[in-house]
Amino acid sequence: MIPIPGNRGELLDYVTPTLVDVWNTAPYNHDGSFATVLHGITPCNTFLDSCDGLDVGKNLNDQHGTTSTLTPRQLRQLAAFLLAPHAASPGTVRQAIPFTKLKSVVVRFGPNPALADDRLDVKARFQVPQSAAFNLAGLAGQALTISLADVDDAMFERTVPAGAGGMKINASATTLSFSDPKGLTVPGITRVQIRLRNAAQREYELVVKGKALDLALLDKNHIALGLETADAAFVKTRTFSQSSAKRRTIKIAEQ
């Protein structure tokens, strides 16, 4: 009889137990190295980042299933489904398209942790496949959601509403913008812009700026950035560097 988990001979692999009762069997992985299911399914790309240590995702290069195409919200939905104690009904999951470049993503933590005084500055690029339904004119009437999350359950999410208070398209339909210098309509978000950079290649650039935010939940440096619309989703997970031992700023820049 083959022990479970156990070596599977010439495949040099483990025979793993089923997911039945997984909600009651933490910690996870064959060696118990994943404190939570979310920790185990959060992706980490070993070709871009060091995936050692306890505070990074442990789904290395999608070897535990393709989760690098899931936004922070979708990852948490997947974890909830896996942890459901009874037979849960799966739903349709739309795969997210990877951001081609996180040109600059900076989180600045304010000097007083008791106040919402953190700032966010995002500039990311993405390329939309020809098969994807995505155009700026269509987005003008849709809600748009931006999310940030590390390997913990909590996540930061803000949604620019559809309609009059939301995104506005310019006359040439090349730039979609939301502006609120006081950050009142979407709490803390002062600017969101999606700009068409290359029509032939369907390349776009996303800009998000925020102030008076509480980003304390981002207490790890392995962070996913997600963008979701009604028609498409985009995501990328990277390990951010911090400016100093005091961790006043964390950032990533891909050239």
Protein backbone atom coordinates (compact mmCIF):
# COMPACT_ATOMS: atom_id res chain seq x y z
CA MET A 1 0.00 0.00 0.00
CA ILE A 2 1.32 3.46 -0.93
CA PRO A 3 1.37 5.87 2.01
CA ILE A 4 -0.44 9.17 1.50
CA PRO A 5 1.37 11.39 1.04
CA GLY A 6 4.06 9.14 -0.29
CA ASN A 7 6.59 8.69 -3.07
CA ARG A 8 5.03 7.57 -6.33
CA GLY A 9 7.98 5.67 -7.73
CA GLU A 10 9.33 6.66 -11.09
CA LEU A 11 7.23 9.84 -11.22
CA LEU A 12 9.20 11.10 -8.22
CA ASP A 13 6.12 12.86 -6.98
CA TYR A 14 3.73 12.79 -4.06
CA VAL A 15 0.34 11.18 -3.97
CA THR A 16 -1.62 13.87 -2.16
CA PRO A 17 -4.81 13.49 -0.16
CA THR A 18 -8.12 14.82 -1.51
CA LEU A 19 -9.47 18.25 -0.57
CA VAL A 20 -12.22 16.74 1.56
CA ASP A 21 -12.10 18.29 5.04
CA VAL A 22 -9.32 20.68 3.93
CA TRP A 23 -10.90 23.44 6.05
CA ASN A 24 -9.96 21.44 9.14
CA THR A 25 -6.45 20.32 8.22
CA ALA A 26 -4.17 23.36 8.41
CA PRO A 27 -1.24 23.82 7.98
CA TYR A 28 -0.90 22.75 4.36
CA ASN A 29 1.57 21.31 1.82
CA HIS A 30 3.37 18.02 2.34
CA ASP A 31 5.61 19.63 4.96
CA GLY A 32 3.04 21.92 6.59
CA SER A 33 4.84 25.01 5.32
CA PHE A 34 1.70 26.89 4.20
CA ALA A 35 -0.09 28.49 7.12
CA THR A 36 -3.27 29.04 5.09
CA VAL A 37 -4.80 27.84 1.84
CA LEU A 38 -4.52 31.40 0.49
CA HIS A 39 -0.80 31.37 1.27
CA GLY A 40 -0.41 28.19 -0.74
CA ILE A 41 -2.33 29.31 -3.81
CA THR A 42 -0.87 32.85 -4.01
CA PRO A 43 1.54 32.85 -6.96
CA CYS A 44 5.24 33.65 -6.93
CA ASN A 45 7.42 33.74 -10.05
CA THR A 46 10.89 32.44 -9.24
CA PHE A 47 12.22 33.96 -12.47
CA LEU A 48 11.36 37.46 -11.19
CA ASP A 49 11.50 37.27 -7.39
CA SER A 50 12.93 35.32 -4.51
CA CYS A 51 10.15 33.05 -3.28
CA ASP A 52 11.90 31.99 -0.08
CA GLY A 53 10.68 33.02 3.33
CA LEU A 54 7.30 32.89 5.03
CA ASP A 55 5.76 36.11 3.66
CA VAL A 56 5.54 35.28 -0.05
CA GLY A 57 3.11 33.19 -2.03
CA LYS A 58 4.06 29.54 -2.35
CA ASN A 59 2.46 28.60 -5.65
CA LEU A 60 5.79 28.70 -7.43
CA ASN A 61 5.47 29.26 -11.18
CA ASP A 62 1.88 27.98 -11.09
CA GLN A 63 2.98 24.46 -10.14
CA HIS A 64 0.02 24.14 -7.75
CA GLY A 65 -2.43 25.22 -10.46
CA THR A 66 -2.62 28.36 -12.56
CA THR A 67 -3.39 31.14 -10.10
CA SER A 68 -1.17 33.88 -11.53
CA THR A 69 -4.16 34.82 -13.72
CA LEU A 70 -6.45 35.47 -10.73
CA THR A 71 -6.97 38.91 -9.20
CA PRO A 72 -6.76 39.35 -5.41
CA ARG A 73 -10.55 39.08 -5.17
CA GLN A 74 -10.64 35.93 -7.30
CA LEU A 75 -7.86 34.31 -5.25
CA ARG A 76 -9.86 34.85 -2.07
CA GLN A 77 -12.97 33.44 -3.71
CA LEU A 78 -10.98 30.35 -4.68
CA ALA A 79 -9.66 29.97 -1.13
CA ALA A 80 -13.22 30.28 0.24
CA PHE A 81 -14.42 27.61 -2.18
CA LEU A 82 -11.62 25.22 -1.20
CA LEU A 83 -12.35 25.80 2.48
CA ALA A 84 -16.12 25.30 2.22
CA PRO A 85 -16.98 22.48 4.70
CA HIS A 86 -19.77 21.15 2.49
CA ALA A 87 -20.29 20.58 -1.21
CA ALA A 88 -19.98 24.04 -2.71
CA SER A 89 -21.16 24.96 -6.19
CA PRO A 90 -18.34 26.33 -8.35
CA GLY A 91 -18.94 29.39 -10.48
CA THR A 92 -17.41 30.72 -13.67
CA VAL A 93 -13.99 32.32 -13.20
CA ARG A 94 -12.64 34.71 -15.79
CA GLN A 95 -8.88 34.50 -16.09
CA ALA A 96 -7.06 37.79 -15.71
CA ILE A 97 -4.55 39.01 -18.25
CA PRO A 98 -1.07 39.67 -16.82
CA PHE A 99 0.12 43.27 -16.68
CA THR A 100 3.01 43.45 -19.12
CA LYS A 101 4.88 45.95 -16.97
CA LEU A 102 4.47 47.45 -13.51
CA LYS A 103 6.30 50.55 -14.61
CA SER A 104 6.15 52.06 -11.13
CA VAL A 105 4.01 51.09 -8.16
CA VAL A 106 4.76 52.95 -4.92
CA VAL A 107 3.04 52.69 -1.54
CA ARG A 108 4.05 55.38 0.96
CA PHE A 109 3.06 54.81 4.57
CA GLY A 110 2.27 57.92 6.62
CA PRO A 111 4.10 58.75 9.86
CA ASN A 112 1.07 58.05 12.07
CA PRO A 113 -0.24 54.45 11.77
CA ALA A 114 -3.38 55.46 13.67
CA LEU A 115 -4.41 57.82 10.84
CA ALA A 116 -5.36 57.14 7.25
CA ASP A 117 -2.39 59.00 5.82
CA ASP A 118 -0.92 56.54 3.32
CA ARG A 119 -0.43 57.30 -0.38
CA LEU A 120 -0.60 55.19 -3.54
CA ASP A 121 0.96 55.86 -6.92
CA VAL A 122 0.52 53.28 -9.71
CA LYS A 123 1.67 53.25 -13.31
CA ALA A 124 1.23 49.92 -15.08
CA ARG A 125 0.95 48.78 -18.68
CA PHE A 126 -1.07 45.99 -20.19
CA GLN A 127 -1.74 44.52 -23.60
CA VAL A 128 -5.18 43.21 -24.48
CA PRO A 129 -5.41 40.09 -26.71
CA GLN A 130 -7.37 40.54 -29.91
CA SER A 131 -9.88 37.98 -28.67
CA ALA A 132 -10.73 40.01 -25.55
CA ALA A 133 -13.72 42.36 -25.50
CA PHE A 134 -12.10 45.59 -24.32
CA ASN A 135 -12.39 49.17 -25.52
CA LEU A 136 -12.27 52.47 -23.71
CA ALA A 137 -15.58 53.74 -25.04
CA GLY A 138 -17.33 50.70 -23.60
CA LEU A 139 -15.59 51.12 -20.25
CA ALA A 140 -17.00 54.62 -19.84
CA GLY A 141 -20.29 53.12 -18.67
CA GLN A 142 -18.81 50.42 -16.44
CA ALA A 143 -17.58 50.22 -12.88
CA LEU A 144 -13.83 49.72 -12.54
CA THR A 145 -12.19 48.04 -9.55
CA ILE A 146 -8.56 48.38 -8.39
CA SER A 147 -7.19 45.98 -5.77
CA LEU A 148 -3.98 45.38 -3.85
CA ALA A 149 -3.28 42.41 -1.58
CA ASP A 150 -0.46 40.41 -0.03
CA VAL A 151 -0.63 36.79 1.20
CA ASP A 152 -2.99 37.58 4.09
CA ASP A 153 -6.78 37.39 3.87
CA ALA A 154 -7.40 41.15 3.99
CA MET A 155 -7.22 43.13 0.75
CA PHE A 156 -7.44 46.75 -0.35
CA GLU A 157 -10.11 47.40 -2.97
CA ARG A 158 -11.68 50.51 -4.46
CA THR A 159 -14.34 50.71 -7.18
CA VAL A 160 -14.91 53.70 -9.44
CA PRO A 161 -18.67 53.60 -10.01
CA ALA A 162 -20.43 53.36 -13.34
CA GLY A 163 -22.40 56.34 -14.55
CA ALA A 164 -22.12 60.07 -14.06
CA GLY A 165 -19.67 59.95 -11.13
CA GLY A 166 -17.33 57.47 -12.79
CA MET A 167 -14.90 57.24 -15.68
CA LYS A 168 -15.17 59.75 -18.55
CA ILE A 169 -13.93 59.25 -22.11
CA ASN A 170 -12.21 61.98 -24.14
CA ALA A 171 -13.38 63.06 -27.61
CA SER A 172 -10.92 60.80 -29.46
CA ALA A 173 -11.80 57.78 -27.26
CA THR A 174 -8.13 57.28 -26.38
CA THR A 175 -8.17 58.23 -22.69
CA LEU A 176 -10.55 57.22 -19.94
CA SER A 177 -10.25 59.29 -16.77
CA PHE A 178 -11.61 59.75 -13.27
CA SER A 179 -10.53 62.76 -11.22
CA ASP A 180 -11.47 63.74 -7.67
CA PRO A 181 -8.71 65.79 -6.01
CA LYS A 182 -10.32 65.42 -2.57
CA GLY A 183 -10.80 61.68 -2.89
CA LEU A 184 -14.40 61.72 -1.70
CA THR A 185 -16.35 59.86 -4.40
CA VAL A 186 -14.09 56.81 -4.20
CA PRO A 187 -12.56 57.08 -0.71
CA GLY A 188 -8.93 58.10 -0.99
CA ILE A 189 -8.66 57.72 -4.79
CA THR A 190 -7.87 61.02 -6.48
CA ARG A 191 -7.14 59.92 -10.02
CA VAL A 192 -7.61 56.91 -12.31
CA GLN A 193 -6.67 56.96 -15.96
CA ILE A 194 -6.49 54.35 -18.70
CA ARG A 195 -4.74 55.59 -21.82
CA LEU A 196 -4.34 53.88 -25.18
CA ARG A 197 -0.62 53.81 -25.97
CA ASN A 198 -0.56 51.69 -29.14
CA ALA A 199 -3.77 50.95 -31.04
CA ALA A 200 -2.25 48.32 -33.35
CA GLN A 201 -0.87 46.34 -30.40
CA ARG A 202 -3.84 47.15 -28.13
CA GLU A 203 -1.45 48.40 -25.46
CA TYR A 204 -2.75 50.56 -22.60
CA GLU A 205 -1.37 52.32 -19.54
CA LEU A 206 -3.10 52.48 -16.16
CA VAL A 207 -2.48 55.30 -13.69
CA VAL A 208 -3.92 55.29 -10.16
CA LYS A 209 -3.22 57.89 -7.50
CA GLY A 210 -4.54 57.96 -3.95
CA LYS A 211 -4.05 59.77 -0.65
CA ALA A 212 -5.50 59.65 2.87
CA LEU A 213 -5.61 55.85 2.58
CA ASP A 214 -5.19 53.13 5.18
CA LEU A 215 -2.87 50.59 3.56
CA ALA A 216 -1.62 49.01 6.80
CA LEU A 217 -3.01 45.65 5.69
CA LEU A 218 -0.19 45.50 3.13
CA ASP A 219 2.25 44.40 5.81
CA LYS A 220 4.06 41.95 3.53
CA ASN A 221 6.16 42.88 0.49
CA HIS A 222 4.77 40.19 -1.85
CA ILE A 223 1.85 42.09 -3.37
CA ALA A 224 -0.63 41.63 -6.21
CA LEU A 225 -2.09 44.51 -8.21
CA GLY A 226 -5.44 43.85 -9.87
CA LEU A 227 -7.70 45.75 -12.26
CA GLU A 228 -11.21 44.47 -13.05
CA THR A 229 -13.93 45.68 -15.40
CA ALA A 230 -17.15 44.02 -16.50
CA ASP A 231 -15.38 42.60 -19.56
CA ALA A 232 -11.79 41.92 -18.53
CA ALA A 233 -9.35 41.62 -15.64
CA PHE A 234 -5.61 42.27 -15.29
CA VAL A 235 -3.19 41.24 -12.55
CA LYS A 236 0.45 40.86 -11.57
CA THR A 237 2.10 39.70 -8.35
CA ARG A 238 5.60 40.85 -7.45
CA THR A 239 7.84 41.25 -4.42
CA PHE A 240 8.23 44.95 -3.62
CA SER A 241 11.40 46.44 -2.17
CA GLN A 242 11.29 48.70 0.86
CA SER A 243 13.09 52.00 1.18
CA SER A 244 14.56 51.32 4.62
CA ALA A 245 14.33 49.11 7.67
CA LYS A 246 11.48 51.34 8.89
CA ARG A 247 9.46 50.39 5.80
CA ARG A 248 8.08 53.83 5.08
CA THR A 249 7.93 53.10 1.35
CA ILE A 250 7.55 49.90 -0.67
CA LYS A 251 7.87 49.93 -4.44
CA ILE A 252 8.43 47.97 -7.60
CA ALA A 253 9.60 49.24 -10.99
CA GLU A 254 9.90 47.11 -14.13
CA GLN A 255 11.90 48.67 -16.94
